[in-house]
N, C-alpha and C. Protein backbone atom coordinates (compact mmCIF):
# COMPACT_ATOMS: atom_id res chain seq x y z
N MET A 1 -40.07 12.84 45.95
CA MET A 1 -39.52 12.40 44.70
C MET A 1 -38.02 12.66 44.61
N LYS A 2 -37.51 13.63 45.30
CA LYS A 2 -36.11 13.98 45.18
C LYS A 2 -35.20 12.93 45.81
N ASN A 3 -35.69 12.09 46.67
CA ASN A 3 -34.86 11.10 47.33
C ASN A 3 -34.76 9.79 46.55
N GLN A 4 -35.40 9.70 45.40
CA GLN A 4 -35.33 8.46 44.61
C GLN A 4 -33.95 8.33 43.99
N LYS A 5 -33.47 7.07 43.94
CA LYS A 5 -32.16 6.81 43.37
C LYS A 5 -32.33 6.03 42.09
N GLY A 6 -31.39 6.19 41.15
CA GLY A 6 -31.44 5.48 39.88
C GLY A 6 -31.14 6.43 38.73
N PHE A 7 -31.25 5.90 37.53
CA PHE A 7 -30.96 6.68 36.34
C PHE A 7 -32.25 7.20 35.74
N SER A 8 -32.20 8.39 35.22
CA SER A 8 -33.37 8.94 34.55
C SER A 8 -33.40 8.41 33.12
N LEU A 9 -34.51 8.56 32.46
CA LEU A 9 -34.67 8.11 31.08
C LEU A 9 -33.70 8.84 30.16
N ILE A 10 -33.48 10.10 30.39
CA ILE A 10 -32.55 10.88 29.57
C ILE A 10 -31.14 10.34 29.70
N GLU A 11 -30.72 10.02 30.91
CA GLU A 11 -29.37 9.47 31.11
C GLU A 11 -29.21 8.14 30.38
N LEU A 12 -30.21 7.30 30.44
CA LEU A 12 -30.16 6.01 29.74
C LEU A 12 -30.11 6.20 28.23
N LEU A 13 -30.88 7.15 27.71
CA LEU A 13 -30.86 7.43 26.27
C LEU A 13 -29.49 7.94 25.82
N ILE A 14 -28.86 8.75 26.65
CA ILE A 14 -27.53 9.26 26.31
C ILE A 14 -26.53 8.10 26.22
N VAL A 15 -26.61 7.16 27.15
CA VAL A 15 -25.72 5.99 27.13
C VAL A 15 -25.97 5.16 25.87
N VAL A 16 -27.22 4.95 25.51
CA VAL A 16 -27.55 4.18 24.31
C VAL A 16 -27.02 4.88 23.06
N VAL A 17 -27.14 6.18 22.99
CA VAL A 17 -26.63 6.94 21.83
C VAL A 17 -25.11 6.82 21.75
N ILE A 18 -24.43 6.91 22.88
CA ILE A 18 -22.97 6.79 22.89
C ILE A 18 -22.55 5.39 22.42
N ILE A 19 -23.22 4.36 22.89
CA ILE A 19 -22.92 2.99 22.45
C ILE A 19 -23.17 2.85 20.95
N GLY A 20 -24.23 3.46 20.46
CA GLY A 20 -24.52 3.41 19.02
C GLY A 20 -23.44 4.09 18.19
N ILE A 21 -22.94 5.21 18.67
CA ILE A 21 -21.87 5.92 17.95
C ILE A 21 -20.60 5.07 17.93
N ILE A 22 -20.25 4.48 19.05
CA ILE A 22 -19.06 3.62 19.10
C ILE A 22 -19.22 2.43 18.16
N ALA A 23 -20.40 1.82 18.15
CA ALA A 23 -20.64 0.68 17.26
C ALA A 23 -20.57 1.10 15.79
N ALA A 24 -21.08 2.27 15.47
CA ALA A 24 -21.04 2.75 14.08
C ALA A 24 -19.61 2.97 13.61
N ILE A 25 -18.73 3.30 14.52
CA ILE A 25 -17.32 3.49 14.16
C ILE A 25 -16.60 2.14 14.10
N ALA A 26 -16.87 1.26 15.04
CA ALA A 26 -16.11 0.02 15.18
C ALA A 26 -16.50 -1.07 14.18
N ILE A 27 -17.78 -1.22 13.89
CA ILE A 27 -18.23 -2.35 13.05
C ILE A 27 -17.64 -2.31 11.65
N PRO A 28 -17.62 -1.19 10.93
CA PRO A 28 -16.98 -1.20 9.61
C PRO A 28 -15.50 -1.57 9.67
N ASN A 29 -14.81 -1.13 10.72
CA ASN A 29 -13.40 -1.49 10.86
C ASN A 29 -13.23 -2.98 11.11
N LEU A 30 -14.12 -3.57 11.88
CA LEU A 30 -14.05 -5.01 12.13
C LEU A 30 -14.33 -5.79 10.85
N LEU A 31 -15.29 -5.34 10.05
CA LEU A 31 -15.58 -6.02 8.79
C LEU A 31 -14.41 -5.90 7.81
N ALA A 32 -13.76 -4.74 7.79
CA ALA A 32 -12.59 -4.56 6.92
C ALA A 32 -11.45 -5.48 7.37
N ALA A 33 -11.28 -5.63 8.67
CA ALA A 33 -10.24 -6.52 9.19
C ALA A 33 -10.55 -7.97 8.81
N ARG A 34 -11.82 -8.34 8.84
CA ARG A 34 -12.21 -9.70 8.45
C ARG A 34 -11.92 -9.93 6.97
N ARG A 35 -12.26 -8.96 6.12
CA ARG A 35 -11.98 -9.10 4.68
C ARG A 35 -10.48 -9.24 4.44
N SER A 36 -9.70 -8.45 5.14
CA SER A 36 -8.25 -8.52 5.00
C SER A 36 -7.71 -9.88 5.44
N ALA A 37 -8.24 -10.40 6.53
CA ALA A 37 -7.84 -11.73 7.00
C ALA A 37 -8.22 -12.81 5.99
N ASN A 38 -9.41 -12.69 5.40
CA ASN A 38 -9.83 -13.65 4.37
C ASN A 38 -8.89 -13.62 3.18
N GLU A 39 -8.48 -12.42 2.76
CA GLU A 39 -7.56 -12.30 1.63
C GLU A 39 -6.21 -12.92 1.97
N GLY A 40 -5.73 -12.70 3.18
CA GLY A 40 -4.48 -13.32 3.61
C GLY A 40 -4.57 -14.84 3.63
N SER A 41 -5.71 -15.35 4.08
CA SER A 41 -5.93 -16.80 4.08
C SER A 41 -5.95 -17.35 2.66
N SER A 42 -6.56 -16.62 1.74
CA SER A 42 -6.62 -17.05 0.34
C SER A 42 -5.23 -17.10 -0.27
N ILE A 43 -4.43 -16.08 -0.01
CA ILE A 43 -3.05 -16.06 -0.52
C ILE A 43 -2.26 -17.23 0.04
N SER A 44 -2.43 -17.50 1.32
CA SER A 44 -1.75 -18.63 1.95
C SER A 44 -2.21 -19.96 1.34
N SER A 45 -3.50 -20.07 1.06
CA SER A 45 -4.02 -21.29 0.44
C SER A 45 -3.46 -21.48 -0.96
N LEU A 46 -3.30 -20.39 -1.70
CA LEU A 46 -2.70 -20.50 -3.04
C LEU A 46 -1.24 -20.94 -2.95
N ARG A 47 -0.52 -20.44 -1.96
CA ARG A 47 0.86 -20.88 -1.76
C ARG A 47 0.89 -22.37 -1.42
N THR A 48 -0.05 -22.79 -0.59
CA THR A 48 -0.14 -24.21 -0.23
C THR A 48 -0.40 -25.05 -1.47
N MET A 49 -1.34 -24.61 -2.32
CA MET A 49 -1.65 -25.38 -3.53
C MET A 49 -0.47 -25.43 -4.48
N HIS A 50 0.27 -24.34 -4.58
CA HIS A 50 1.45 -24.35 -5.45
C HIS A 50 2.48 -25.35 -4.91
N GLY A 51 2.76 -25.29 -3.62
CA GLY A 51 3.71 -26.22 -3.02
C GLY A 51 3.26 -27.66 -3.14
N ALA A 52 1.96 -27.89 -2.96
CA ALA A 52 1.42 -29.24 -3.10
C ALA A 52 1.58 -29.74 -4.53
N ASN A 53 1.39 -28.86 -5.50
CA ASN A 53 1.54 -29.25 -6.90
C ASN A 53 2.98 -29.57 -7.26
N VAL A 54 3.91 -28.80 -6.73
CA VAL A 54 5.33 -29.08 -6.99
C VAL A 54 5.70 -30.43 -6.38
N THR A 55 5.20 -30.69 -5.17
CA THR A 55 5.45 -31.99 -4.54
C THR A 55 4.80 -33.11 -5.35
N PHE A 56 3.57 -32.90 -5.80
CA PHE A 56 2.87 -33.91 -6.61
C PHE A 56 3.66 -34.18 -7.89
N GLN A 57 4.14 -33.12 -8.53
CA GLN A 57 4.87 -33.26 -9.79
C GLN A 57 6.13 -34.12 -9.60
N SER A 58 6.83 -33.92 -8.50
CA SER A 58 8.09 -34.64 -8.30
C SER A 58 7.90 -36.02 -7.68
N THR A 59 6.68 -36.35 -7.25
CA THR A 59 6.45 -37.67 -6.65
C THR A 59 5.41 -38.44 -7.47
N ALA A 60 4.17 -38.32 -7.11
CA ALA A 60 3.10 -39.12 -7.72
C ALA A 60 2.80 -38.73 -9.16
N GLY A 61 3.12 -37.52 -9.56
CA GLY A 61 2.74 -37.03 -10.88
C GLY A 61 3.67 -37.41 -12.00
N SER A 62 4.81 -38.00 -11.69
CA SER A 62 5.78 -38.39 -12.72
C SER A 62 6.08 -37.23 -13.68
N GLY A 63 6.31 -36.06 -13.11
CA GLY A 63 6.65 -34.90 -13.92
C GLY A 63 5.47 -34.03 -14.32
N GLN A 64 4.27 -34.46 -14.05
CA GLN A 64 3.07 -33.70 -14.40
C GLN A 64 2.42 -33.16 -13.12
N PHE A 65 1.78 -32.00 -13.25
CA PHE A 65 1.03 -31.46 -12.12
C PHE A 65 -0.30 -32.20 -11.99
N ALA A 66 -0.93 -32.04 -10.84
CA ALA A 66 -2.21 -32.71 -10.59
C ALA A 66 -3.28 -32.17 -11.52
N ALA A 67 -4.20 -33.04 -11.90
CA ALA A 67 -5.29 -32.64 -12.79
C ALA A 67 -6.43 -31.96 -12.03
N SER A 68 -6.46 -32.12 -10.71
CA SER A 68 -7.56 -31.55 -9.92
C SER A 68 -7.12 -31.38 -8.47
N MET A 69 -7.90 -30.62 -7.72
CA MET A 69 -7.63 -30.49 -6.29
C MET A 69 -7.89 -31.81 -5.59
N ALA A 70 -8.82 -32.61 -6.10
CA ALA A 70 -9.08 -33.92 -5.51
C ALA A 70 -7.85 -34.82 -5.60
N ALA A 71 -7.09 -34.70 -6.69
CA ALA A 71 -5.86 -35.49 -6.83
C ALA A 71 -4.83 -35.07 -5.78
N LEU A 72 -4.76 -33.78 -5.49
CA LEU A 72 -3.86 -33.31 -4.44
C LEU A 72 -4.30 -33.81 -3.07
N GLN A 73 -5.61 -33.81 -2.84
CA GLN A 73 -6.13 -34.32 -1.58
C GLN A 73 -5.89 -35.82 -1.48
N GLY A 74 -6.04 -36.53 -2.59
CA GLY A 74 -5.81 -37.97 -2.60
C GLY A 74 -4.40 -38.35 -2.21
N GLN A 75 -3.45 -37.47 -2.44
CA GLN A 75 -2.06 -37.70 -2.04
C GLN A 75 -1.75 -37.07 -0.67
N ASN A 76 -2.79 -36.59 0.01
CA ASN A 76 -2.67 -35.94 1.32
C ASN A 76 -1.77 -34.71 1.28
N LEU A 77 -1.82 -33.98 0.18
CA LEU A 77 -1.03 -32.77 0.04
C LEU A 77 -1.82 -31.52 0.41
N ILE A 78 -3.14 -31.58 0.32
CA ILE A 78 -4.02 -30.52 0.82
C ILE A 78 -5.14 -31.18 1.60
N ASP A 79 -5.77 -30.42 2.49
CA ASP A 79 -6.83 -30.99 3.31
C ASP A 79 -8.18 -30.94 2.60
N ALA A 80 -9.16 -31.62 3.19
CA ALA A 80 -10.49 -31.72 2.58
C ALA A 80 -11.19 -30.37 2.51
N THR A 81 -10.93 -29.49 3.46
CA THR A 81 -11.57 -28.17 3.46
C THR A 81 -11.14 -27.37 2.24
N LEU A 82 -9.85 -27.36 1.95
CA LEU A 82 -9.34 -26.64 0.79
C LEU A 82 -9.76 -27.33 -0.50
N ALA A 83 -9.68 -28.64 -0.54
CA ALA A 83 -10.07 -29.38 -1.75
C ALA A 83 -11.55 -29.22 -2.05
N GLY A 84 -12.37 -29.02 -1.03
CA GLY A 84 -13.81 -28.89 -1.23
C GLY A 84 -14.29 -27.48 -1.45
N ALA A 85 -13.41 -26.50 -1.36
CA ALA A 85 -13.80 -25.09 -1.49
C ALA A 85 -13.86 -24.69 -2.96
N THR A 86 -14.79 -25.31 -3.69
CA THR A 86 -14.86 -25.09 -5.14
C THR A 86 -16.06 -24.26 -5.57
N ALA A 87 -16.89 -23.85 -4.64
CA ALA A 87 -18.06 -23.03 -4.96
C ALA A 87 -18.31 -22.08 -3.79
N ALA A 88 -19.08 -21.04 -4.05
CA ALA A 88 -19.33 -20.03 -3.03
C ALA A 88 -19.93 -20.64 -1.77
N GLY A 89 -20.76 -21.67 -1.90
CA GLY A 89 -21.39 -22.29 -0.75
C GLY A 89 -20.45 -23.12 0.10
N SER A 90 -19.29 -23.48 -0.44
CA SER A 90 -18.32 -24.29 0.30
C SER A 90 -17.00 -23.56 0.49
N ALA A 91 -17.05 -22.25 0.54
CA ALA A 91 -15.85 -21.42 0.60
C ALA A 91 -15.02 -21.69 1.85
N LYS A 92 -13.72 -21.51 1.72
CA LYS A 92 -12.79 -21.59 2.84
C LYS A 92 -12.37 -20.17 3.18
N SER A 93 -12.66 -19.73 4.37
CA SER A 93 -12.34 -18.37 4.82
C SER A 93 -12.83 -17.32 3.83
N GLY A 94 -14.04 -17.51 3.31
CA GLY A 94 -14.66 -16.52 2.45
C GLY A 94 -14.24 -16.56 1.00
N TYR A 95 -13.39 -17.51 0.60
CA TYR A 95 -12.94 -17.62 -0.79
C TYR A 95 -13.17 -19.03 -1.31
N PHE A 96 -13.49 -19.12 -2.59
CA PHE A 96 -13.56 -20.43 -3.25
C PHE A 96 -12.57 -20.45 -4.40
N TYR A 97 -12.22 -21.66 -4.85
CA TYR A 97 -11.09 -21.85 -5.76
C TYR A 97 -11.51 -22.57 -7.04
N THR A 98 -10.97 -22.10 -8.15
CA THR A 98 -11.17 -22.76 -9.44
C THR A 98 -9.81 -23.28 -9.87
N TYR A 99 -9.70 -24.60 -9.98
CA TYR A 99 -8.43 -25.25 -10.33
C TYR A 99 -8.47 -25.65 -11.80
N ASN A 100 -7.46 -25.23 -12.53
CA ASN A 100 -7.34 -25.61 -13.94
C ASN A 100 -6.03 -26.36 -14.11
N GLY A 101 -6.13 -27.66 -14.27
CA GLY A 101 -4.94 -28.49 -14.44
C GLY A 101 -4.96 -29.14 -15.81
N ALA A 102 -3.83 -29.17 -16.45
CA ALA A 102 -3.75 -29.82 -17.75
C ALA A 102 -2.33 -30.34 -17.93
N GLY A 103 -2.21 -31.55 -18.36
CA GLY A 103 -0.89 -32.11 -18.61
C GLY A 103 -0.82 -32.60 -20.05
N VAL A 104 0.24 -32.28 -20.72
CA VAL A 104 0.45 -32.72 -22.10
C VAL A 104 1.69 -33.61 -22.10
N ALA A 105 1.58 -34.79 -22.67
CA ALA A 105 2.70 -35.73 -22.68
C ALA A 105 3.93 -35.10 -23.33
N ASN A 106 5.08 -35.36 -22.74
CA ASN A 106 6.38 -34.88 -23.22
C ASN A 106 6.54 -33.36 -23.16
N ASN A 107 5.64 -32.66 -22.54
CA ASN A 107 5.76 -31.22 -22.34
C ASN A 107 5.60 -30.92 -20.86
N PRO A 108 6.18 -29.82 -20.40
CA PRO A 108 5.95 -29.48 -19.00
C PRO A 108 4.46 -29.28 -18.76
N SER A 109 4.02 -29.78 -17.66
CA SER A 109 2.61 -29.65 -17.35
C SER A 109 2.33 -28.25 -16.83
N ILE A 110 1.08 -27.85 -16.91
CA ILE A 110 0.68 -26.52 -16.46
C ILE A 110 -0.51 -26.64 -15.52
N PHE A 111 -0.67 -25.65 -14.69
CA PHE A 111 -1.86 -25.54 -13.85
C PHE A 111 -2.01 -24.09 -13.43
N ASP A 112 -3.20 -23.73 -13.05
CA ASP A 112 -3.43 -22.44 -12.40
C ASP A 112 -4.63 -22.56 -11.49
N VAL A 113 -4.64 -21.74 -10.47
CA VAL A 113 -5.72 -21.72 -9.49
C VAL A 113 -6.15 -20.27 -9.32
N ILE A 114 -7.44 -20.03 -9.43
CA ILE A 114 -8.01 -18.70 -9.23
C ILE A 114 -8.86 -18.74 -7.97
N SER A 115 -8.68 -17.78 -7.09
CA SER A 115 -9.53 -17.69 -5.90
C SER A 115 -10.40 -16.44 -6.01
N GLN A 116 -11.66 -16.62 -5.64
CA GLN A 116 -12.64 -15.54 -5.70
C GLN A 116 -13.39 -15.45 -4.38
N PRO A 117 -13.73 -14.22 -3.95
CA PRO A 117 -14.54 -14.12 -2.73
C PRO A 117 -15.93 -14.69 -2.95
N SER A 118 -16.45 -15.37 -1.94
CA SER A 118 -17.79 -15.95 -2.08
C SER A 118 -18.86 -14.86 -2.14
N THR A 119 -18.62 -13.73 -1.49
CA THR A 119 -19.49 -12.56 -1.57
C THR A 119 -18.59 -11.37 -1.85
N SER A 120 -18.82 -10.70 -2.97
CA SER A 120 -17.86 -9.67 -3.37
C SER A 120 -18.35 -8.24 -3.21
N GLY A 121 -19.54 -8.04 -2.71
CA GLY A 121 -20.04 -6.68 -2.58
C GLY A 121 -20.82 -6.47 -1.30
N GLY A 122 -20.94 -5.22 -0.92
CA GLY A 122 -21.75 -4.86 0.24
C GLY A 122 -21.01 -5.04 1.56
N LEU A 123 -21.76 -4.88 2.64
CA LEU A 123 -21.17 -5.01 3.97
C LEU A 123 -20.71 -6.42 4.28
N THR A 124 -21.34 -7.41 3.66
CA THR A 124 -21.00 -8.80 3.95
C THR A 124 -19.93 -9.36 3.02
N ALA A 125 -19.27 -8.50 2.25
CA ALA A 125 -18.24 -8.96 1.32
C ALA A 125 -17.16 -9.73 2.08
N THR A 126 -16.76 -10.87 1.52
CA THR A 126 -15.72 -11.68 2.16
C THR A 126 -14.33 -11.36 1.61
N GLY A 127 -14.26 -10.54 0.59
CA GLY A 127 -12.98 -10.12 0.02
C GLY A 127 -13.20 -9.05 -1.02
N THR A 128 -12.12 -8.35 -1.37
CA THR A 128 -12.24 -7.27 -2.34
C THR A 128 -11.43 -7.52 -3.61
N ARG A 129 -10.65 -8.60 -3.64
CA ARG A 129 -9.81 -8.90 -4.81
C ARG A 129 -9.88 -10.39 -5.14
N ASN A 130 -9.56 -10.72 -6.39
CA ASN A 130 -9.39 -12.10 -6.82
C ASN A 130 -7.89 -12.36 -6.91
N PHE A 131 -7.50 -13.63 -6.77
CA PHE A 131 -6.09 -13.99 -6.82
C PHE A 131 -5.89 -15.15 -7.78
N LEU A 132 -4.65 -15.27 -8.27
CA LEU A 132 -4.29 -16.35 -9.19
C LEU A 132 -2.86 -16.79 -8.91
N VAL A 133 -2.62 -18.09 -8.97
CA VAL A 133 -1.27 -18.63 -8.94
C VAL A 133 -1.17 -19.68 -10.04
N ALA A 134 -0.01 -19.75 -10.68
CA ALA A 134 0.23 -20.74 -11.73
C ALA A 134 1.50 -21.51 -11.37
N GLU A 135 1.98 -22.28 -12.33
CA GLU A 135 3.13 -23.15 -12.05
C GLU A 135 4.40 -22.40 -11.68
N ASP A 136 4.51 -21.12 -12.02
CA ASP A 136 5.71 -20.36 -11.65
C ASP A 136 5.71 -19.91 -10.20
N GLY A 137 4.58 -20.02 -9.50
CA GLY A 137 4.49 -19.70 -8.09
C GLY A 137 4.23 -18.24 -7.77
N VAL A 138 4.17 -17.38 -8.78
CA VAL A 138 3.89 -15.96 -8.55
C VAL A 138 2.40 -15.79 -8.30
N ILE A 139 2.05 -15.10 -7.24
CA ILE A 139 0.64 -14.86 -6.94
C ILE A 139 0.26 -13.49 -7.47
N TYR A 140 -0.82 -13.46 -8.23
CA TYR A 140 -1.32 -12.24 -8.85
C TYR A 140 -2.62 -11.85 -8.17
N ALA A 141 -2.86 -10.53 -8.08
CA ALA A 141 -4.10 -10.01 -7.49
C ALA A 141 -4.77 -9.08 -8.49
N SER A 142 -6.09 -9.19 -8.58
CA SER A 142 -6.84 -8.26 -9.42
C SER A 142 -7.06 -6.96 -8.65
N ALA A 143 -7.41 -5.93 -9.37
CA ALA A 143 -7.63 -4.62 -8.73
C ALA A 143 -8.88 -4.62 -7.87
N ASN A 144 -9.86 -5.43 -8.23
CA ASN A 144 -11.11 -5.49 -7.48
C ASN A 144 -11.77 -6.84 -7.71
N ALA A 145 -12.84 -7.11 -6.98
CA ALA A 145 -13.50 -8.41 -7.07
C ALA A 145 -14.27 -8.59 -8.37
N ALA A 146 -14.55 -7.51 -9.08
CA ALA A 146 -15.30 -7.62 -10.33
C ALA A 146 -14.41 -8.05 -11.49
N THR A 147 -13.09 -7.93 -11.34
CA THR A 147 -12.15 -8.27 -12.40
C THR A 147 -11.49 -9.61 -12.09
N LEU A 148 -11.69 -10.57 -12.96
CA LEU A 148 -11.13 -11.90 -12.75
C LEU A 148 -9.80 -12.02 -13.49
N PRO A 149 -8.73 -12.44 -12.79
CA PRO A 149 -7.46 -12.63 -13.48
C PRO A 149 -7.59 -13.72 -14.54
N ALA A 150 -6.83 -13.59 -15.60
CA ALA A 150 -6.85 -14.59 -16.67
C ALA A 150 -5.42 -14.93 -17.04
N ILE A 151 -5.23 -16.17 -17.51
CA ILE A 151 -3.90 -16.60 -17.93
C ILE A 151 -4.01 -17.26 -19.29
N ASP A 152 -3.14 -16.86 -20.21
CA ASP A 152 -3.15 -17.41 -21.56
C ASP A 152 -2.64 -18.85 -21.51
N ALA A 153 -3.37 -19.76 -22.14
CA ALA A 153 -3.02 -21.18 -22.10
C ALA A 153 -1.71 -21.49 -22.81
N VAL A 154 -1.31 -20.67 -23.77
CA VAL A 154 -0.09 -20.93 -24.54
C VAL A 154 1.09 -20.15 -23.98
N THR A 155 0.96 -18.85 -23.87
CA THR A 155 2.09 -18.02 -23.44
C THR A 155 2.22 -17.95 -21.93
N ARG A 156 1.17 -18.30 -21.19
CA ARG A 156 1.10 -18.25 -19.73
C ARG A 156 1.21 -16.82 -19.21
N ALA A 157 0.89 -15.84 -20.04
CA ALA A 157 0.88 -14.44 -19.63
C ALA A 157 -0.41 -14.15 -18.86
N VAL A 158 -0.27 -13.48 -17.73
CA VAL A 158 -1.42 -13.16 -16.88
C VAL A 158 -1.93 -11.78 -17.24
N THR A 159 -3.25 -11.66 -17.37
CA THR A 159 -3.89 -10.37 -17.63
C THR A 159 -4.89 -10.07 -16.52
N ASN A 160 -5.25 -8.82 -16.40
CA ASN A 160 -6.23 -8.34 -15.41
C ASN A 160 -5.74 -8.49 -13.97
N ALA A 161 -4.44 -8.59 -13.76
CA ALA A 161 -3.91 -8.72 -12.41
C ALA A 161 -2.45 -8.30 -12.38
N THR A 162 -1.99 -7.97 -11.19
CA THR A 162 -0.58 -7.61 -11.00
C THR A 162 0.03 -8.53 -9.95
N PRO A 163 1.34 -8.78 -10.04
CA PRO A 163 1.98 -9.65 -9.04
C PRO A 163 1.98 -9.00 -7.66
N LEU A 164 1.81 -9.82 -6.63
CA LEU A 164 1.93 -9.32 -5.27
C LEU A 164 3.40 -9.10 -4.96
N ASN A 165 3.69 -8.20 -4.06
CA ASN A 165 5.08 -7.88 -3.72
C ASN A 165 5.58 -8.65 -2.51
N ASN A 166 5.20 -9.93 -2.41
CA ASN A 166 5.69 -10.70 -1.26
C ASN A 166 6.01 -12.11 -1.64
């Protein structure tokens, strides 16, 4: 028996335990990196929507912002993936978007877009914060996914969120 070559069961179990420990350390970090990337993508998408709206206002909108994301897509200012990300089931990079557009004749038009993670809790969370952008282009972030940013329709003051520093 002493001349047999190979690994013993104990040696194999030790290797499996070591792999398990490494996975237990690495997987939460990978999930956190994914959430962070999703949030970065959402912020970038909000910047894209703001830029698309400014372009729409100065071209096809005759001074008014777009009434919907479909109107922005119709002018080829945003792609179909972003325009279609309106519910958790159709999220873009883990976030979906609520577009609020309103134009009043002879007044500056207004719009705002809120982005929310499609899954906001647990290990499978796609993001930890909600974001908002309005016609001024400032992107606001909520403290957590449970708090939705809000904007007053008259004063345009944002509540439940703070401006990002970028």
